[in-house]
Amino acid sequence: MNSRFRRNFIRIFTILFLIWLPETKILAQEVHRAATTYRSSISYLEPRITDVKESLSESSSDFPETFKLFFQELKGNYAIFYDWNGETVYYKYRINKFDRSRLRQVKKLAEGAAYEVTGRWEGMIVFQVPTVPLFKKAPEITLDDKKGRFSIPVYDLGKFRELALDEIIY
């Protein structure tokens, strides 16, 4: 009975190990890919989201088309980027979960890498109640909504390019 139990245990363990092995191999490949490519950083002098919000006024109330940001993650229909302060900007890369037209393009984004991202400003995610986000399209947004501390700009993703240092510092 003891040897039969041992054989079954070894079989089950082997099957589970073979199922688990491909997942770790894929993860290891992603880590290796990210580690082998040199990622540059963004200058501390680049304008941040709060700087842009503070500079908005009645005469110039539009967000810029281009930001230099770090990539955070893909979430739903959005590619999420952040600046040095940790403030996020959402870039919509698909219409719904069935839209695969730009999926191949955004799969190349690496977490924590610096990018120059260009897009058309669509609107803002505004928090009227602290926990409930509300998306407002560009024409219905007031200047106070744009300058809101917890408001998040939303863009339609145009293009992005990874930033690289012009020179190597020894």
C-alpha atoms as a PDB file:
ATOM      1  CA  MET A   1       0.000   0.000   0.000  1.00  0.00           C
ATOM      2  CA  ASN A   2       2.823   2.336   0.879  1.00  0.00           C
ATOM      3  CA  SER A   3       4.662   1.797  -2.434  1.00  0.00           C
ATOM      4  CA  ARG A   4       1.395   2.248  -4.379  1.00  0.00           C
ATOM      5  CA  PHE A   5       0.747   5.548  -2.604  1.00  0.00           C
ATOM      6  CA  ARG A   6       4.311   6.645  -3.358  1.00  0.00           C
ATOM      7  CA  ARG A   7       3.953   5.827  -7.096  1.00  0.00           C
ATOM      8  CA  ASN A   8       0.664   7.740  -7.344  1.00  0.00           C
ATOM      9  CA  PHE A   9       2.153  10.678  -5.494  1.00  0.00           C
ATOM     10  CA  ILE A  10       5.151  10.759  -7.848  1.00  0.00           C
ATOM     11  CA  ARG A  11       2.861  10.591 -10.911  1.00  0.00           C
ATOM     12  CA  ILE A  12       0.652  13.421  -9.655  1.00  0.00           C
ATOM     13  CA  PHE A  13       3.671  15.515  -8.693  1.00  0.00           C
ATOM     14  CA  THR A  14       5.236  14.949 -12.137  1.00  0.00           C
ATOM     15  CA  ILE A  15       2.029  15.955 -13.943  1.00  0.00           C
ATOM     16  CA  LEU A  16       1.651  19.120 -11.848  1.00  0.00           C
ATOM     17  CA  PHE A  17       5.314  19.993 -12.390  1.00  0.00           C
ATOM     18  CA  LEU A  18       4.975  19.599 -16.176  1.00  0.00           C
ATOM     19  CA  ILE A  19       1.891  21.829 -16.144  1.00  0.00           C
ATOM     20  CA  TRP A  20       3.655  24.476 -14.050  1.00  0.00           C
ATOM     21  CA  LEU A  21       6.961  24.421 -15.996  1.00  0.00           C
ATOM     22  CA  PRO A  22       5.809  26.263 -19.203  1.00  0.00           C
ATOM     23  CA  GLU A  23       4.402  29.168 -17.155  1.00  0.00           C
ATOM     24  CA  THR A  24       7.711  29.719 -15.365  1.00  0.00           C
ATOM     25  CA  LYS A  25       9.591  29.428 -18.647  1.00  0.00           C
ATOM     26  CA  ILE A  26       7.482  32.222 -20.185  1.00  0.00           C
ATOM     27  CA  LEU A  27       7.950  34.398 -17.099  1.00  0.00           C
ATOM     28  CA  ALA A  28      11.712  33.793 -17.139  1.00  0.00           C
ATOM     29  CA  GLN A  29      11.867  34.751 -20.821  1.00  0.00           C
ATOM     30  CA  GLU A  30      10.039  38.035 -20.128  1.00  0.00           C
ATOM     31  CA  VAL A  31      12.365  38.883 -17.234  1.00  0.00           C
ATOM     32  CA  HIS A  32      15.404  38.051 -19.350  1.00  0.00           C
ATOM     33  CA  ARG A  33      14.096  40.196 -22.262  1.00  0.00           C
ATOM     34  CA  ALA A  34      13.515  43.152 -19.958  1.00  0.00           C
ATOM     35  CA  ALA A  35      16.896  42.756 -18.262  1.00  0.00           C
ATOM     36  CA  THR A  36      18.922  42.482 -21.473  1.00  0.00           C
ATOM     37  CA  THR A  37      17.628  45.699 -23.030  1.00  0.00           C
ATOM     38  CA  TYR A  38      18.885  48.941 -21.542  1.00  0.00           C
ATOM     39  CA  ARG A  39      16.058  51.241 -20.469  1.00  0.00           C
ATOM     40  CA  SER A  40      16.762  54.947 -20.346  1.00  0.00           C
ATOM     41  CA  SER A  41      15.223  57.343 -17.930  1.00  0.00           C
ATOM     42  CA  ILE A  42      13.300  60.577 -18.260  1.00  0.00           C
ATOM     43  CA  SER A  43      14.930  63.852 -17.295  1.00  0.00           C
ATOM     44  CA  TYR A  44      13.775  65.328 -13.993  1.00  0.00           C
ATOM     45  CA  LEU A  45      13.191  68.592 -15.856  1.00  0.00           C
ATOM     46  CA  GLU A  46      10.424  67.156 -18.046  1.00  0.00           C
ATOM     47  CA  PRO A  47       6.984  68.604 -17.222  1.00  0.00           C
ATOM     48  CA  ARG A  48       4.862  66.370 -15.034  1.00  0.00           C
ATOM     49  CA  ILE A  49       1.099  65.932 -15.077  1.00  0.00           C
ATOM     50  CA  THR A  50       0.649  68.312 -12.121  1.00  0.00           C
ATOM     51  CA  ASP A  51       2.769  70.945 -13.897  1.00  0.00           C
ATOM     52  CA  VAL A  52       0.581  70.681 -16.985  1.00  0.00           C
ATOM     53  CA  LYS A  53      -2.620  70.875 -14.917  1.00  0.00           C
ATOM     54  CA  GLU A  54      -1.364  73.958 -13.066  1.00  0.00           C
ATOM     55  CA  SER A  55      -0.427  75.709 -16.324  1.00  0.00           C
ATOM     56  CA  LEU A  56      -3.933  75.325 -17.779  1.00  0.00           C
ATOM     57  CA  SER A  57      -5.991  78.508 -17.996  1.00  0.00           C
ATOM     58  CA  GLU A  58      -9.064  79.838 -19.828  1.00  0.00           C
ATOM     59  CA  SER A  59      -6.900  80.945 -22.768  1.00  0.00           C
ATOM     60  CA  SER A  60      -4.852  77.731 -23.059  1.00  0.00           C
ATOM     61  CA  SER A  61      -7.008  74.929 -21.724  1.00  0.00           C
ATOM     62  CA  ASP A  62      -5.790  71.984 -23.799  1.00  0.00           C
ATOM     63  CA  PHE A  63      -3.502  69.190 -22.703  1.00  0.00           C
ATOM     64  CA  PRO A  64      -0.351  68.617 -24.793  1.00  0.00           C
ATOM     65  CA  GLU A  65      -0.323  65.780 -27.311  1.00  0.00           C
ATOM     66  CA  THR A  66       3.034  64.365 -26.219  1.00  0.00           C
ATOM     67  CA  PHE A  67       4.290  63.276 -22.798  1.00  0.00           C
ATOM     68  CA  LYS A  68       7.419  61.479 -21.634  1.00  0.00           C
ATOM     69  CA  LEU A  69       6.161  58.804 -19.263  1.00  0.00           C
ATOM     70  CA  PHE A  70       6.908  55.382 -17.801  1.00  0.00           C
ATOM     71  CA  PHE A  71       4.727  52.419 -18.739  1.00  0.00           C
ATOM     72  CA  GLN A  72       2.801  50.812 -15.878  1.00  0.00           C
ATOM     73  CA  GLU A  73       0.400  48.177 -17.260  1.00  0.00           C
ATOM     74  CA  LEU A  74      -2.366  47.247 -19.663  1.00  0.00           C
ATOM     75  CA  LYS A  75      -5.723  47.410 -17.916  1.00  0.00           C
ATOM     76  CA  GLY A  76      -8.975  46.851 -19.753  1.00  0.00           C
ATOM     77  CA  ASN A  77      -8.912  48.944 -22.919  1.00  0.00           C
ATOM     78  CA  TYR A  78      -6.164  51.232 -21.639  1.00  0.00           C
ATOM     79  CA  ALA A  79      -2.382  51.374 -21.527  1.00  0.00           C
ATOM     80  CA  ILE A  80      -1.522  53.140 -18.280  1.00  0.00           C
ATOM     81  CA  PHE A  81       1.541  55.372 -18.041  1.00  0.00           C
ATOM     82  CA  TYR A  82       2.889  57.416 -15.114  1.00  0.00           C
ATOM     83  CA  ASP A  83       5.288  60.302 -14.509  1.00  0.00           C
ATOM     84  CA  TRP A  84       8.023  60.854 -11.903  1.00  0.00           C
ATOM     85  CA  ASN A  85       5.384  61.870  -9.328  1.00  0.00           C
ATOM     86  CA  GLY A  86       3.425  58.660  -9.902  1.00  0.00           C
ATOM     87  CA  GLU A  87       0.445  60.391 -11.500  1.00  0.00           C
ATOM     88  CA  THR A  88      -1.172  58.319 -14.215  1.00  0.00           C
ATOM     89  CA  VAL A  89      -2.380  58.987 -17.724  1.00  0.00           C
ATOM     90  CA  TYR A  90      -4.653  56.531 -19.527  1.00  0.00           C
ATOM     91  CA  TYR A  91      -4.172  55.844 -23.246  1.00  0.00           C
ATOM     92  CA  LYS A  92      -7.034  54.007 -24.929  1.00  0.00           C
ATOM     93  CA  TYR A  93      -5.629  51.486 -27.384  1.00  0.00           C
ATOM     94  CA  ARG A  94      -8.778  49.537 -28.283  1.00  0.00           C
ATOM     95  CA  ILE A  95     -12.521  50.096 -28.547  1.00  0.00           C
ATOM     96  CA  ASN A  96     -13.534  46.951 -26.650  1.00  0.00           C
ATOM     97  CA  LYS A  97     -12.058  43.600 -25.664  1.00  0.00           C
ATOM     98  CA  PHE A  98     -12.678  42.169 -29.144  1.00  0.00           C
ATOM     99  CA  ASP A  99     -10.662  44.890 -30.918  1.00  0.00           C
ATOM    100  CA  ARG A 100      -7.236  43.386 -31.646  1.00  0.00           C
ATOM    101  CA  SER A 101      -5.980  45.948 -34.165  1.00  0.00           C
ATOM    102  CA  ARG A 102      -3.320  47.488 -31.883  1.00  0.00           C
ATOM    103  CA  LEU A 103      -2.834  44.612 -29.455  1.00  0.00           C
ATOM    104  CA  ARG A 104       0.398  43.536 -31.125  1.00  0.00           C
ATOM    105  CA  GLN A 105       1.723  47.093 -30.879  1.00  0.00           C
ATOM    106  CA  VAL A 106       1.052  47.510 -27.141  1.00  0.00           C
ATOM    107  CA  LYS A 107       2.370  44.045 -26.243  1.00  0.00           C
ATOM    108  CA  LYS A 108       5.850  45.475 -26.916  1.00  0.00           C
ATOM    109  CA  LEU A 109       5.544  47.880 -23.976  1.00  0.00           C
ATOM    110  CA  ALA A 110       7.786  46.968 -21.048  1.00  0.00           C
ATOM    111  CA  GLU A 111       6.828  47.803 -17.469  1.00  0.00           C
ATOM    112  CA  GLY A 112       8.898  50.632 -16.007  1.00  0.00           C
ATOM    113  CA  ALA A 113      10.418  51.602 -19.359  1.00  0.00           C
ATOM    114  CA  ALA A 114      10.411  55.257 -20.427  1.00  0.00           C
ATOM    115  CA  TYR A 115       8.425  56.252 -23.521  1.00  0.00           C
ATOM    116  CA  GLU A 116       7.518  59.339 -25.442  1.00  0.00           C
ATOM    117  CA  VAL A 117       3.785  58.858 -25.925  1.00  0.00           C
ATOM    118  CA  THR A 118       1.649  60.778 -28.404  1.00  0.00           C
ATOM    119  CA  GLY A 119      -2.116  60.778 -28.549  1.00  0.00           C
ATOM    120  CA  ARG A 120      -5.302  62.787 -28.970  1.00  0.00           C
ATOM    121  CA  TRP A 121      -6.849  64.012 -25.721  1.00  0.00           C
ATOM    122  CA  GLU A 122     -10.298  62.381 -25.291  1.00  0.00           C
ATOM    123  CA  GLY A 123     -11.401  63.471 -21.821  1.00  0.00           C
ATOM    124  CA  MET A 124     -10.859  62.935 -18.114  1.00  0.00           C
ATOM    125  CA  ILE A 125     -11.665  60.414 -15.456  1.00  0.00           C
ATOM    126  CA  VAL A 126     -13.073  62.557 -12.650  1.00  0.00           C
ATOM    127  CA  PHE A 127     -13.833  61.426  -9.116  1.00  0.00           C
ATOM    128  CA  GLN A 128     -16.965  63.288  -7.956  1.00  0.00           C
ATOM    129  CA  VAL A 129     -17.357  60.795  -5.107  1.00  0.00           C
ATOM    130  CA  PRO A 130     -13.983  59.613  -3.744  1.00  0.00           C
ATOM    131  CA  THR A 131     -14.379  56.003  -4.883  1.00  0.00           C
ATOM    132  CA  VAL A 132     -16.538  56.284  -8.015  1.00  0.00           C
ATOM    133  CA  PRO A 133     -14.753  57.295 -11.233  1.00  0.00           C
ATOM    134  CA  LEU A 134     -16.726  59.107 -13.934  1.00  0.00           C
ATOM    135  CA  PHE A 135     -15.463  59.539 -17.508  1.00  0.00           C
ATOM    136  CA  LYS A 136     -16.233  62.929 -19.039  1.00  0.00           C
ATOM    137  CA  LYS A 137     -15.609  63.683 -22.706  1.00  0.00           C
ATOM    138  CA  ALA A 138     -13.480  66.679 -23.652  1.00  0.00           C
ATOM    139  CA  PRO A 139     -16.314  69.144 -24.499  1.00  0.00           C
ATOM    140  CA  GLU A 140     -18.129  68.649 -21.172  1.00  0.00           C
ATOM    141  CA  ILE A 141     -15.081  69.172 -18.929  1.00  0.00           C
ATOM    142  CA  THR A 142     -14.652  72.375 -16.970  1.00  0.00           C
ATOM    143  CA  LEU A 143     -11.335  73.958 -16.110  1.00  0.00           C
ATOM    144  CA  ASP A 144     -11.829  72.903 -12.468  1.00  0.00           C
ATOM    145  CA  ASP A 145     -12.223  69.267 -13.592  1.00  0.00           C
ATOM    146  CA  LYS A 146      -8.997  69.505 -15.588  1.00  0.00           C
ATOM    147  CA  LYS A 147      -7.104  70.952 -12.660  1.00  0.00           C
ATOM    148  CA  GLY A 148      -8.597  68.503 -10.158  1.00  0.00           C
ATOM    149  CA  ARG A 149      -6.037  66.754  -8.014  1.00  0.00           C
ATOM    150  CA  PHE A 150      -7.451  63.289  -8.609  1.00  0.00           C
ATOM    151  CA  SER A 151      -8.577  63.743 -12.217  1.00  0.00           C
ATOM    152  CA  ILE A 152      -6.843  61.518 -14.758  1.00  0.00           C
ATOM    153  CA  PRO A 153      -6.328  62.573 -18.401  1.00  0.00           C
ATOM    154  CA  VAL A 154      -7.492  60.044 -21.012  1.00  0.00           C
ATOM    155  CA  TYR A 155      -5.993  59.952 -24.501  1.00  0.00           C
ATOM    156  CA  ASP A 156      -6.516  57.944 -27.659  1.00  0.00           C
ATOM    157  CA  LEU A 157      -3.147  56.246 -28.179  1.00  0.00           C
ATOM    158  CA  GLY A 158      -1.451  57.510 -31.307  1.00  0.00           C
ATOM    159  CA  LYS A 159       2.113  56.281 -31.178  1.00  0.00           C
ATOM    160  CA  PHE A 160       4.910  55.723 -28.728  1.00  0.00           C
ATOM    161  CA  ARG A 161       8.658  55.344 -28.898  1.00  0.00           C
ATOM    162  CA  GLU A 162      11.028  54.064 -26.286  1.00  0.00           C
ATOM    163  CA  LEU A 163      13.493  56.663 -25.020  1.00  0.00           C
ATOM    164  CA  ALA A 164      17.196  55.917 -25.195  1.00  0.00           C
ATOM    165  CA  LEU A 165      20.168  57.851 -23.889  1.00  0.00           C
ATOM    166  CA  ASP A 166      22.134  59.804 -26.482  1.00  0.00           C
ATOM    167  CA  GLU A 167      25.404  59.025 -24.771  1.00  0.00           C
ATOM    168  CA  ILE A 168      26.694  56.482 -22.334  1.00  0.00           C
ATOM    169  CA  ILE A 169      27.921  57.887 -19.040  1.00  0.00           C
ATOM    170  CA  TYR A 170      30.976  56.192 -17.579  1.00  0.00           C
END
